[in-house]
C-alpha atoms as a PDB file:
ATOM      1  CA  MET A   1      24.701  -8.051  -4.759  1.00  0.00           C
ATOM      2  CA  ARG A   2      23.457  -4.670  -5.005  1.00  0.00           C
ATOM      3  CA  ILE A   3      19.772  -4.265  -5.822  1.00  0.00           C
ATOM      4  CA  GLY A   4      17.420  -1.712  -7.173  1.00  0.00           C
ATOM      5  CA  ALA A   5      14.141  -0.664  -5.859  1.00  0.00           C
ATOM      6  CA  ILE A   6      11.266   1.944  -6.926  1.00  0.00           C
ATOM      7  CA  GLU A   7       8.497   3.153  -5.127  1.00  0.00           C
ATOM      8  CA  ALA A   8       6.623   4.465  -7.912  1.00  0.00           C
ATOM      9  CA  GLY A   9       4.079   6.517  -6.214  1.00  0.00           C
ATOM     10  CA  GLY A  10       1.532   8.848  -8.039  1.00  0.00           C
ATOM     11  CA  THR A  11       3.121  12.290  -6.466  1.00  0.00           C
ATOM     12  CA  LYS A  12       6.772  11.065  -6.423  1.00  0.00           C
ATOM     13  CA  PHE A  13       9.146   8.153  -7.427  1.00  0.00           C
ATOM     14  CA  VAL A  14      11.682   7.057  -4.844  1.00  0.00           C
ATOM     15  CA  CYS A  15      14.527   5.096  -5.997  1.00  0.00           C
ATOM     16  CA  ALA A  16      17.250   3.354  -3.909  1.00  0.00           C
ATOM     17  CA  VAL A  17      19.647   0.691  -3.995  1.00  0.00           C
ATOM     18  CA  GLY A  18      20.206  -1.977  -1.142  1.00  0.00           C
ATOM     19  CA  SER A  19      21.443  -5.273   0.009  1.00  0.00           C
ATOM     20  CA  ARG A  20      19.539  -8.497   0.409  1.00  0.00           C
ATOM     21  CA  ASN A  21      18.892  -7.779   4.004  1.00  0.00           C
ATOM     22  CA  GLY A  22      17.012  -4.895   3.603  1.00  0.00           C
ATOM     23  CA  GLU A  23      19.768  -2.002   3.842  1.00  0.00           C
ATOM     24  CA  ILE A  24      19.184   0.726   2.014  1.00  0.00           C
ATOM     25  CA  LEU A  25      22.736   2.258   0.588  1.00  0.00           C
ATOM     26  CA  GLU A  26      21.673   5.028  -1.330  1.00  0.00           C
ATOM     27  CA  ARG A  27      18.301   6.883  -1.678  1.00  0.00           C
ATOM     28  CA  SER A  28      16.608   9.703  -3.694  1.00  0.00           C
ATOM     29  CA  SER A  29      13.028  10.888  -4.828  1.00  0.00           C
ATOM     30  CA  PHE A  30      11.712  13.049  -7.360  1.00  0.00           C
ATOM     31  CA  PRO A  31       8.158  14.307  -8.510  1.00  0.00           C
ATOM     32  CA  THR A  32       6.223  12.176 -10.750  1.00  0.00           C
ATOM     33  CA  THR A  33       5.589  14.250 -13.813  1.00  0.00           C
ATOM     34  CA  THR A  34       5.719  12.712 -17.375  1.00  0.00           C
ATOM     35  CA  PRO A  35       6.911   9.343 -18.071  1.00  0.00           C
ATOM     36  CA  ASP A  36       9.296  10.398 -20.229  1.00  0.00           C
ATOM     37  CA  GLU A  37      10.813  13.064 -17.604  1.00  0.00           C
ATOM     38  CA  THR A  38      10.179  10.826 -14.734  1.00  0.00           C
ATOM     39  CA  LEU A  39      11.696   7.785 -16.147  1.00  0.00           C
ATOM     40  CA  ASP A  40      14.992   9.935 -17.228  1.00  0.00           C
ATOM     41  CA  GLN A  41      15.279  10.665 -13.886  1.00  0.00           C
ATOM     42  CA  VAL A  42      15.330   7.187 -12.797  1.00  0.00           C
ATOM     43  CA  GLU A  43      17.582   6.467 -15.836  1.00  0.00           C
ATOM     44  CA  ALA A  44      20.032   8.477 -14.391  1.00  0.00           C
ATOM     45  CA  PHE A  45      19.965   7.111 -10.847  1.00  0.00           C
ATOM     46  CA  PHE A  46      20.695   3.679 -11.916  1.00  0.00           C
ATOM     47  CA  ARG A  47      23.171   4.653 -14.236  1.00  0.00           C
ATOM     48  CA  GLU A  48      25.278   6.440 -11.486  1.00  0.00           C
ATOM     49  CA  HIS A  49      24.408   3.670  -8.859  1.00  0.00           C
ATOM     50  CA  LYS A  50      25.019   0.321 -10.655  1.00  0.00           C
ATOM     51  CA  VAL A  51      22.533  -2.618  -9.883  1.00  0.00           C
ATOM     52  CA  GLU A  52      22.000  -6.148 -10.967  1.00  0.00           C
ATOM     53  CA  ARG A  53      18.124  -6.479 -10.615  1.00  0.00           C
ATOM     54  CA  LEU A  54      15.337  -3.954 -10.024  1.00  0.00           C
ATOM     55  CA  GLY A  55      11.949  -3.943  -8.272  1.00  0.00           C
ATOM     56  CA  VAL A  56       9.195  -1.681  -8.404  1.00  0.00           C
ATOM     57  CA  GLY A  57       5.954  -1.154  -6.504  1.00  0.00           C
ATOM     58  CA  ALA A  58       3.492   1.100  -8.713  1.00  0.00           C
ATOM     59  CA  PHE A  59       0.682   2.679  -8.632  1.00  0.00           C
ATOM     60  CA  GLY A  60      -1.907   1.234 -10.287  1.00  0.00           C
ATOM     61  CA  PRO A  61      -4.253   0.171 -11.303  1.00  0.00           C
ATOM     62  CA  ILE A  62      -1.423  -2.056 -13.024  1.00  0.00           C
ATOM     63  CA  ASN A  63      -1.548  -5.096 -15.078  1.00  0.00           C
ATOM     64  CA  LEU A  64      -0.072  -8.162 -13.378  1.00  0.00           C
ATOM     65  CA  ARG A  65      -1.030 -11.071 -15.328  1.00  0.00           C
ATOM     66  CA  THR A  66       2.009 -12.154 -16.535  1.00  0.00           C
ATOM     67  CA  VAL A  67       0.470 -14.025 -19.570  1.00  0.00           C
ATOM     68  CA  SER A  68      -1.027 -10.829 -20.705  1.00  0.00           C
ATOM     69  CA  GLU A  69       0.888  -9.006 -23.674  1.00  0.00           C
ATOM     70  CA  GLN A  70       0.237  -5.670 -21.336  1.00  0.00           C
ATOM     71  CA  TYR A  71       1.862  -7.058 -18.123  1.00  0.00           C
ATOM     72  CA  GLY A  72       3.124  -4.305 -16.122  1.00  0.00           C
ATOM     73  CA  THR A  73       1.415  -1.495 -17.783  1.00  0.00           C
ATOM     74  CA  ILE A  74      -0.089   1.141 -15.816  1.00  0.00           C
ATOM     75  CA  GLY A  75      -4.138   0.963 -16.656  1.00  0.00           C
ATOM     76  CA  ASN A  76      -7.031   3.506 -16.104  1.00  0.00           C
ATOM     77  CA  THR A  77      -5.355   5.819 -13.878  1.00  0.00           C
ATOM     78  CA  PRO A  78      -6.762   9.371 -13.367  1.00  0.00           C
ATOM     79  CA  LYS A  79      -2.800  10.361 -14.062  1.00  0.00           C
ATOM     80  CA  MET A  80      -3.633  10.670 -17.638  1.00  0.00           C
ATOM     81  CA  ALA A  81      -0.376  10.873 -18.577  1.00  0.00           C
ATOM     82  CA  TRP A  82       0.579   7.443 -17.522  1.00  0.00           C
ATOM     83  CA  ARG A  83      -2.740   5.622 -18.764  1.00  0.00           C
ATOM     84  CA  ASN A  84      -2.064   2.664 -21.079  1.00  0.00           C
ATOM     85  CA  PHE A  85       1.794   3.182 -20.360  1.00  0.00           C
ATOM     86  CA  PRO A  86       4.053  -0.042 -20.300  1.00  0.00           C
ATOM     87  CA  LEU A  87       6.034   1.037 -17.349  1.00  0.00           C
ATOM     88  CA  LEU A  88       7.865  -2.343 -16.686  1.00  0.00           C
ATOM     89  CA  GLN A  89       8.245  -2.915 -20.493  1.00  0.00           C
ATOM     90  CA  ASN A  90      10.287   0.710 -20.575  1.00  0.00           C
ATOM     91  CA  LEU A  91      12.166   0.105 -17.522  1.00  0.00           C
ATOM     92  CA  ARG A  92      13.572  -3.316 -18.892  1.00  0.00           C
ATOM     93  CA  SER A  93      14.547  -1.398 -22.330  1.00  0.00           C
ATOM     94  CA  ARG A  94      16.189   1.300 -20.586  1.00  0.00           C
ATOM     95  CA  LEU A  95      17.990  -0.231 -17.879  1.00  0.00           C
ATOM     96  CA  GLU A  96      18.748  -3.584 -19.512  1.00  0.00           C
ATOM     97  CA  ILE A  97      18.480  -5.621 -15.952  1.00  0.00           C
ATOM     98  CA  PRO A  98      15.980  -7.800 -14.959  1.00  0.00           C
ATOM     99  CA  VAL A  99      13.247  -5.668 -13.680  1.00  0.00           C
ATOM    100  CA  PHE A 100      10.187  -7.305 -11.454  1.00  0.00           C
ATOM    101  CA  ILE A 101       6.574  -5.218 -10.652  1.00  0.00           C
ATOM    102  CA  ASP A 102       3.940  -5.262  -8.436  1.00  0.00           C
ATOM    103  CA  THR A 103       1.624  -2.838  -6.713  1.00  0.00           C
ATOM    104  CA  ASP A 104       3.157  -0.355  -4.316  1.00  0.00           C
ATOM    105  CA  VAL A 105       0.980  -2.208  -1.598  1.00  0.00           C
ATOM    106  CA  ASN A 106       1.791  -5.539  -1.994  1.00  0.00           C
ATOM    107  CA  VAL A 107       5.392  -4.324  -2.296  1.00  0.00           C
ATOM    108  CA  ALA A 108       4.997  -2.724   1.046  1.00  0.00           C
ATOM    109  CA  SER A 109       3.360  -5.598   2.520  1.00  0.00           C
ATOM    110  CA  LEU A 110       6.392  -7.870   1.434  1.00  0.00           C
ATOM    111  CA  GLY A 111       8.788  -5.004   3.126  1.00  0.00           C
ATOM    112  CA  GLU A 112       7.208  -5.743   6.134  1.00  0.00           C
ATOM    113  CA  TYR A 113       6.903  -9.154   6.208  1.00  0.00           C
ATOM    114  CA  ASN A 114      10.801  -9.344   5.418  1.00  0.00           C
ATOM    115  CA  TYR A 115      12.164  -6.600   7.474  1.00  0.00           C
ATOM    116  CA  GLY A 116       9.885  -4.929   9.473  1.00  0.00           C
ATOM    117  CA  VAL A 117       7.309  -5.867  12.227  1.00  0.00           C
ATOM    118  CA  THR A 118       6.071  -9.430  10.689  1.00  0.00           C
ATOM    119  CA  LYS A 119       9.570 -10.763  10.061  1.00  0.00           C
ATOM    120  CA  ASP A 120       8.748 -13.507  13.136  1.00  0.00           C
ATOM    121  CA  ALA A 121       5.422 -14.495  11.499  1.00  0.00           C
ATOM    122  CA  GLU A 122       3.741 -16.562   8.806  1.00  0.00           C
ATOM    123  CA  SER A 123       1.636 -14.261   7.124  1.00  0.00           C
ATOM    124  CA  CYS A 124       0.913 -10.555   7.450  1.00  0.00           C
ATOM    125  CA  LEU A 125      -1.972  -8.345   5.715  1.00  0.00           C
ATOM    126  CA  TYR A 126      -0.548  -4.452   4.936  1.00  0.00           C
ATOM    127  CA  ILE A 127      -3.273  -1.811   4.860  1.00  0.00           C
ATOM    128  CA  THR A 128      -2.365   1.722   3.511  1.00  0.00           C
ATOM    129  CA  VAL A 129      -4.654   4.209   4.622  1.00  0.00           C
ATOM    130  CA  GLY A 130      -4.162   7.812   2.604  1.00  0.00           C
ATOM    131  CA  THR A 131      -4.839   9.455  -0.757  1.00  0.00           C
ATOM    132  CA  GLY A 132      -6.391   6.168  -1.144  1.00  0.00           C
ATOM    133  CA  ILE A 133      -6.916   2.762   0.546  1.00  0.00           C
ATOM    134  CA  GLY A 134      -5.525  -0.161  -0.511  1.00  0.00           C
ATOM    135  CA  ALA A 135      -4.157  -3.736   1.035  1.00  0.00           C
ATOM    136  CA  GLY A 136      -1.478  -6.483   0.405  1.00  0.00           C
ATOM    137  CA  PHE A 137      -1.318  -9.888   2.045  1.00  0.00           C
ATOM    138  CA  VAL A 138       1.629 -11.977   2.494  1.00  0.00           C
ATOM    139  CA  GLN A 139       1.846 -15.611   3.356  1.00  0.00           C
ATOM    140  CA  ASN A 140       5.030 -17.843   3.446  1.00  0.00           C
ATOM    141  CA  GLY A 141       6.676 -15.223   1.535  1.00  0.00           C
ATOM    142  CA  ASN A 142       4.295 -14.962  -1.589  1.00  0.00           C
ATOM    143  CA  ILE A 143       1.960 -12.141  -2.284  1.00  0.00           C
ATOM    144  CA  LEU A 144      -1.568 -13.254  -2.773  1.00  0.00           C
ATOM    145  CA  GLN A 145      -2.377 -13.032  -6.176  1.00  0.00           C
ATOM    146  CA  GLY A 146      -5.779 -13.898  -8.319  1.00  0.00           C
ATOM    147  CA  TYR A 147      -6.445 -12.829 -12.005  1.00  0.00           C
ATOM    148  CA  ASP A 148      -5.104  -9.372 -11.184  1.00  0.00           C
ATOM    149  CA  HIS A 149      -4.119  -7.682  -8.065  1.00  0.00           C
ATOM    150  CA  SER A 150      -6.699  -7.267  -5.444  1.00  0.00           C
ATOM    151  CA  GLU A 151      -8.624  -3.734  -4.651  1.00  0.00           C
ATOM    152  CA  MET A 152      -9.316  -3.781  -0.898  1.00  0.00           C
ATOM    153  CA  GLY A 153     -10.062  -0.341  -0.357  1.00  0.00           C
ATOM    154  CA  HIS A 154     -13.420  -0.411  -2.428  1.00  0.00           C
ATOM    155  CA  ILE A 155     -15.354  -3.678  -0.416  1.00  0.00           C
ATOM    156  CA  LEU A 156     -18.679  -2.614   0.361  1.00  0.00           C
ATOM    157  CA  ILE A 157     -19.458  -1.548   4.004  1.00  0.00           C
ATOM    158  CA  GLN A 158     -22.203   0.154   5.979  1.00  0.00           C
ATOM    159  CA  LYS A 159     -22.294   3.570   6.858  1.00  0.00           C
ATOM    160  CA  HIS A 160     -22.638   4.781  10.316  1.00  0.00           C
ATOM    161  CA  PRO A 161     -26.104   5.614  11.015  1.00  0.00           C
ATOM    162  CA  GLU A 162     -25.184   9.412  12.207  1.00  0.00           C
ATOM    163  CA  ASP A 163     -22.636   9.664   8.410  1.00  0.00           C
ATOM    164  CA  ASP A 164     -24.645  11.400   6.122  1.00  0.00           C
ATOM    165  CA  PHE A 165     -21.479  11.900   4.010  1.00  0.00           C
ATOM    166  CA  GLU A 166     -22.417  10.739  -0.009  1.00  0.00           C
ATOM    167  CA  GLY A 167     -18.966   9.147  -0.066  1.00  0.00           C
ATOM    168  CA  ALA A 168     -16.168  10.267  -2.163  1.00  0.00           C
ATOM    169  CA  CYS A 169     -15.155   7.143  -4.386  1.00  0.00           C
ATOM    170  CA  PRO A 170     -16.578   8.205  -7.898  1.00  0.00           C
ATOM    171  CA  SER A 171     -17.620   4.228  -8.817  1.00  0.00           C
ATOM    172  CA  HIS A 172     -18.696   2.949  -5.741  1.00  0.00           C
ATOM    173  CA  ARG A 173     -19.510   6.027  -3.421  1.00  0.00           C
ATOM    174  CA  ILE A 174     -19.833   4.383  -0.237  1.00  0.00           C
ATOM    175  CA  CYS A 175     -16.727   1.679  -0.771  1.00  0.00           C
ATOM    176  CA  LEU A 176     -14.053   1.744   2.219  1.00  0.00           C
ATOM    177  CA  GLU A 177     -11.924   3.846   0.619  1.00  0.00           C
ATOM    178  CA  GLY A 178     -14.939   6.403  -0.740  1.00  0.00           C
ATOM    179  CA  LEU A 179     -15.714   7.021   3.260  1.00  0.00           C
ATOM    180  CA  ALA A 180     -12.465   6.676   4.925  1.00  0.00           C
ATOM    181  CA  ALA A 181      -9.249   7.692   2.787  1.00  0.00           C
ATOM    182  CA  GLY A 182      -7.885  11.277   3.041  1.00  0.00           C
ATOM    183  CA  PRO A 183      -9.718  12.846   0.569  1.00  0.00           C
ATOM    184  CA  ALA A 184     -13.202  11.368   1.994  1.00  0.00           C
ATOM    185  CA  ILE A 185     -12.382  13.063   5.068  1.00  0.00           C
ATOM    186  CA  GLU A 186     -11.616  16.390   3.735  1.00  0.00           C
ATOM    187  CA  ALA A 187     -14.724  16.158   1.568  1.00  0.00           C
ATOM    188  CA  ARG A 188     -16.873  15.376   4.834  1.00  0.00           C
ATOM    189  CA  TYR A 189     -15.580  17.903   7.176  1.00  0.00           C
ATOM    190  CA  GLY A 190     -14.201  20.846   4.675  1.00  0.00           C
ATOM    191  CA  LYS A 191     -10.432  20.252   6.749  1.00  0.00           C
ATOM    192  CA  LYS A 192      -7.703  17.955   5.889  1.00  0.00           C
ATOM    193  CA  GLY A 193      -6.832  15.063   8.557  1.00  0.00           C
ATOM    194  CA  MET A 194      -3.973  16.831  10.421  1.00  0.00           C
ATOM    195  CA  GLU A 195      -6.427  19.760  10.789  1.00  0.00           C
ATOM    196  CA  LEU A 196      -9.003  17.574  12.587  1.00  0.00           C
ATOM    197  CA  ALA A 197      -6.557  16.216  14.966  1.00  0.00           C
ATOM    198  CA  ASP A 198      -8.551  17.108  18.313  1.00  0.00           C
ATOM    199  CA  GLN A 199     -11.505  16.293  17.105  1.00  0.00           C
ATOM    200  CA  ASN A 200     -12.244  12.672  18.276  1.00  0.00           C
ATOM    201  CA  ASN A 201     -15.670  12.340  16.922  1.00  0.00           C
ATOM    202  CA  VAL A 202     -13.643  12.637  13.270  1.00  0.00           C
ATOM    203  CA  TRP A 203     -11.435   9.320  14.304  1.00  0.00           C
ATOM    204  CA  GLU A 204     -14.089   7.779  16.335  1.00  0.00           C
ATOM    205  CA  LEU A 205     -15.781   7.617  12.394  1.00  0.00           C
ATOM    206  CA  GLU A 206     -13.001   6.300  10.953  1.00  0.00           C
ATOM    207  CA  ALA A 207     -11.939   3.711  13.310  1.00  0.00           C
ATOM    208  CA  TYR A 208     -15.852   2.731  13.096  1.00  0.00           C
ATOM    209  CA  TYR A 209     -15.535   2.194   8.976  1.00  0.00           C
ATOM    210  CA  LEU A 210     -11.533   0.498   9.255  1.00  0.00           C
ATOM    211  CA  ALA A 211     -12.678  -1.521  12.218  1.00  0.00           C
ATOM    212  CA  GLN A 212     -15.751  -3.104   9.797  1.00  0.00           C
ATOM    213  CA  ALA A 213     -12.919  -3.543   7.081  1.00  0.00           C
ATOM    214  CA  ILE A 214     -10.595  -5.190   9.386  1.00  0.00           C
ATOM    215  CA  MET A 215     -13.319  -7.697  10.538  1.00  0.00           C
ATOM    216  CA  ASN A 216     -13.926  -8.567   6.875  1.00  0.00           C
ATOM    217  CA  TYR A 217     -10.198  -8.964   5.882  1.00  0.00           C
ATOM    218  CA  PHE A 218      -9.480 -11.071   9.230  1.00  0.00           C
ATOM    219  CA  VAL A 219     -12.362 -13.397   8.885  1.00  0.00           C
ATOM    220  CA  ILE A 220     -11.344 -14.496   4.865  1.00  0.00           C
ATOM    221  CA  LEU A 221      -7.779 -14.404   5.150  1.00  0.00           C
ATOM    222  CA  SER A 222      -6.431 -14.894   8.728  1.00  0.00           C
ATOM    223  CA  PRO A 223      -3.471 -13.172   9.199  1.00  0.00           C
ATOM    224  CA  GLU A 224      -1.005 -13.134  12.024  1.00  0.00           C
ATOM    225  CA  LYS A 225      -0.388  -9.795  11.681  1.00  0.00           C
ATOM    226  CA  ILE A 226      -1.978  -6.519  10.234  1.00  0.00           C
ATOM    227  CA  ILE A 227      -0.478  -3.597   9.794  1.00  0.00           C
ATOM    228  CA  ILE A 228      -1.842  -0.116   8.954  1.00  0.00           C
ATOM    229  CA  GLY A 229       0.171   2.568   7.918  1.00  0.00           C
ATOM    230  CA  GLY A 230      -0.535   5.679   5.370  1.00  0.00           C
ATOM    231  CA  GLY A 231      -0.742   9.181   5.984  1.00  0.00           C
ATOM    232  CA  VAL A 232      -4.192   9.057   7.763  1.00  0.00           C
ATOM    233  CA  MET A 233      -2.507   6.791  10.532  1.00  0.00           C
ATOM    234  CA  LYS A 234      -0.159   9.493  11.706  1.00  0.00           C
ATOM    235  CA  GLN A 235      -3.298  10.067  13.936  1.00  0.00           C
ATOM    236  CA  ASP A 236      -1.769   7.709  16.589  1.00  0.00           C
ATOM    237  CA  LYS A 237      -4.787   7.680  18.540  1.00  0.00           C
ATOM    238  CA  LEU A 238      -6.704   5.708  15.686  1.00  0.00           C
ATOM    239  CA  TYR A 239      -4.852   2.471  16.789  1.00  0.00           C
ATOM    240  CA  PRO A 240      -6.394   2.122  20.054  1.00  0.00           C
ATOM    241  CA  MET A 241      -9.977   3.143  18.958  1.00  0.00           C
ATOM    242  CA  ILE A 242      -9.577   0.644  15.725  1.00  0.00           C
ATOM    243  CA  ARG A 243      -8.537  -2.395  18.408  1.00  0.00           C
ATOM    244  CA  LYS A 244     -11.484  -1.829  20.320  1.00  0.00           C
ATOM    245  CA  GLN A 245     -14.504  -1.347  17.486  1.00  0.00           C
ATOM    246  CA  PHE A 246     -12.415  -4.688  15.655  1.00  0.00           C
ATOM    247  CA  MET A 247     -12.928  -6.713  18.814  1.00  0.00           C
ATOM    248  CA  ASN A 248     -16.668  -5.402  19.454  1.00  0.00           C
ATOM    249  CA  LEU A 249     -17.445  -6.530  15.741  1.00  0.00           C
ATOM    250  CA  LEU A 250     -15.801  -9.355  16.345  1.00  0.00           C
ATOM    251  CA  ASN A 251     -17.758 -10.367  19.352  1.00  0.00           C
ATOM    252  CA  ASP A 252     -15.521 -13.328  20.322  1.00  0.00           C
ATOM    253  CA  TYR A 253     -16.341 -15.681  17.131  1.00  0.00           C
ATOM    254  CA  ILE A 254     -12.535 -16.289  16.740  1.00  0.00           C
ATOM    255  CA  GLU A 255     -10.083 -16.090  19.530  1.00  0.00           C
ATOM    256  CA  VAL A 256      -7.588 -13.210  19.518  1.00  0.00           C
ATOM    257  CA  GLU A 257      -4.749 -13.690  22.147  1.00  0.00           C
ATOM    258  CA  ASP A 258      -3.785 -10.241  22.288  1.00  0.00           C
ATOM    259  CA  VAL A 259      -5.117  -7.604  19.912  1.00  0.00           C
ATOM    260  CA  ASN A 260      -2.482  -5.120  20.399  1.00  0.00           C
ATOM    261  CA  GLN A 261      -0.320  -7.686  19.019  1.00  0.00           C
ATOM    262  CA  LEU A 262      -2.588  -8.358  16.086  1.00  0.00           C
ATOM    263  CA  ILE A 263      -3.293  -4.771  14.700  1.00  0.00           C
ATOM    264  CA  VAL A 264      -0.215  -2.963  14.402  1.00  0.00           C
ATOM    265  CA  ALA A 265       1.580  -0.007  13.273  1.00  0.00           C
ATOM    266  CA  PRO A 266       4.180  -0.272  10.924  1.00  0.00           C
ATOM    267  CA  GLU A 267       7.988  -0.532  12.002  1.00  0.00           C
ATOM    268  CA  LEU A 268       9.741   0.222   8.888  1.00  0.00           C
ATOM    269  CA  LYS A 269       7.911   4.028   8.713  1.00  0.00           C
ATOM    270  CA  ASP A 270       8.205   4.943   5.574  1.00  0.00           C
ATOM    271  CA  ASN A 271      10.698   2.295   4.006  1.00  0.00           C
ATOM    272  CA  GLN A 272       7.938  -0.442   3.334  1.00  0.00           C
ATOM    273  CA  ALA A 273       7.842  -0.137  -0.103  1.00  0.00           C
ATOM    274  CA  VAL A 274      11.581   0.408  -1.039  1.00  0.00           C
ATOM    275  CA  LYS A 275      12.619  -2.657   0.988  1.00  0.00           C
ATOM    276  CA  GLY A 276       9.871  -4.739  -0.258  1.00  0.00           C
ATOM    277  CA  ALA A 277      10.825  -4.043  -3.960  1.00  0.00           C
ATOM    278  CA  ILE A 278      14.011  -5.553  -2.849  1.00  0.00           C
ATOM    279  CA  ALA A 279      12.547  -8.497  -1.458  1.00  0.00           C
ATOM    280  CA  LEU A 280      10.752  -8.770  -4.404  1.00  0.00           C
ATOM    281  CA  THR A 281      13.938  -9.479  -6.633  1.00  0.00           C
ATOM    282  CA  LEU A 282      14.563 -12.210  -4.508  1.00  0.00           C
ATOM    283  CA  GLN A 283      11.713 -14.244  -4.796  1.00  0.00           C
ATOM    284  CA  ASP A 284      12.740 -16.084  -8.347  1.00  0.00           C
END
C-alpha cells in the first residue's frame, strides 16, 4: 500500500509517499502561501504519486471533534488566509481518497511511537519547542484526545525570580510558550537562539522553564518516554540541563530509574510528522 502524508506547517507543507512500515519513498516541500495555491501543489504532487489514503498533521488550532460540522477546519490561526479554512474537506474533495487529520505535534508523537525512539514503549509524550510549543501524548497506539486537541504549550508555570521578561504569548503572557518558545528567547535577548549558543545562562533559564512543564506532564500522564524536539532543541546542551532540573523538581517523589532514558531526543529527526501521518491512516 502506498500511503500519502502531509506535514502541513504554517511555514511550509511537506508532502510524502510512504509504506506501512514508515519507509519514505517520495518527498517534496514548498512554502505555505494561500490555501488555493498551496493545495494546488499538494494536488499536483499526489496526482503524480498515486496513493490509496492520506494522513495529515496540521498546524492549528484545528477542529478535531468528529461530530462537528467544522471537523478538520483550521481555527483562529494568525495566518489570516487560512483562518476558518476547511482543510480536511478540501483535501477529500480534491484527491477523492480517504483523508485522516490531526495536529502536527500529535502526529509527530505518533511517528516516534510507531517508528522512532519509542517503538518499544507503551506510551510517549512528544514535545516540540520552536516557533511555538506543543505536545502530543500517545498510549497503546492512540493519541490522547479530549473534547478537542490539547494545548500543552499554554500551561502556566512559575517565572524565574531573576527573569524580568514580561512574556511573549499574546493571550497568557507567561505561559510556557510565552516564556520558552523561540520568539520568547529572541524577544528577551534581542537575538535568535542560534546566536546565543555559547551563553549558558540563556539555556539554563530555558531548561528551568521546560523542566517545570515536563514535571507537570510527567506527574499527570506518567509517560514511559518524553521526547523533546523542535528548533530550540538543536542546542544539544539543553538535554542534560533539563534532566538535571527535572530531577531536582521531582525530588524523589516518583522513582525514575534512568532519566537519560526517560527524557530523550527524537530519533526520526525531521521525519516524525510525515511518518506519523502514515501511521495515522492505519488506525481505522
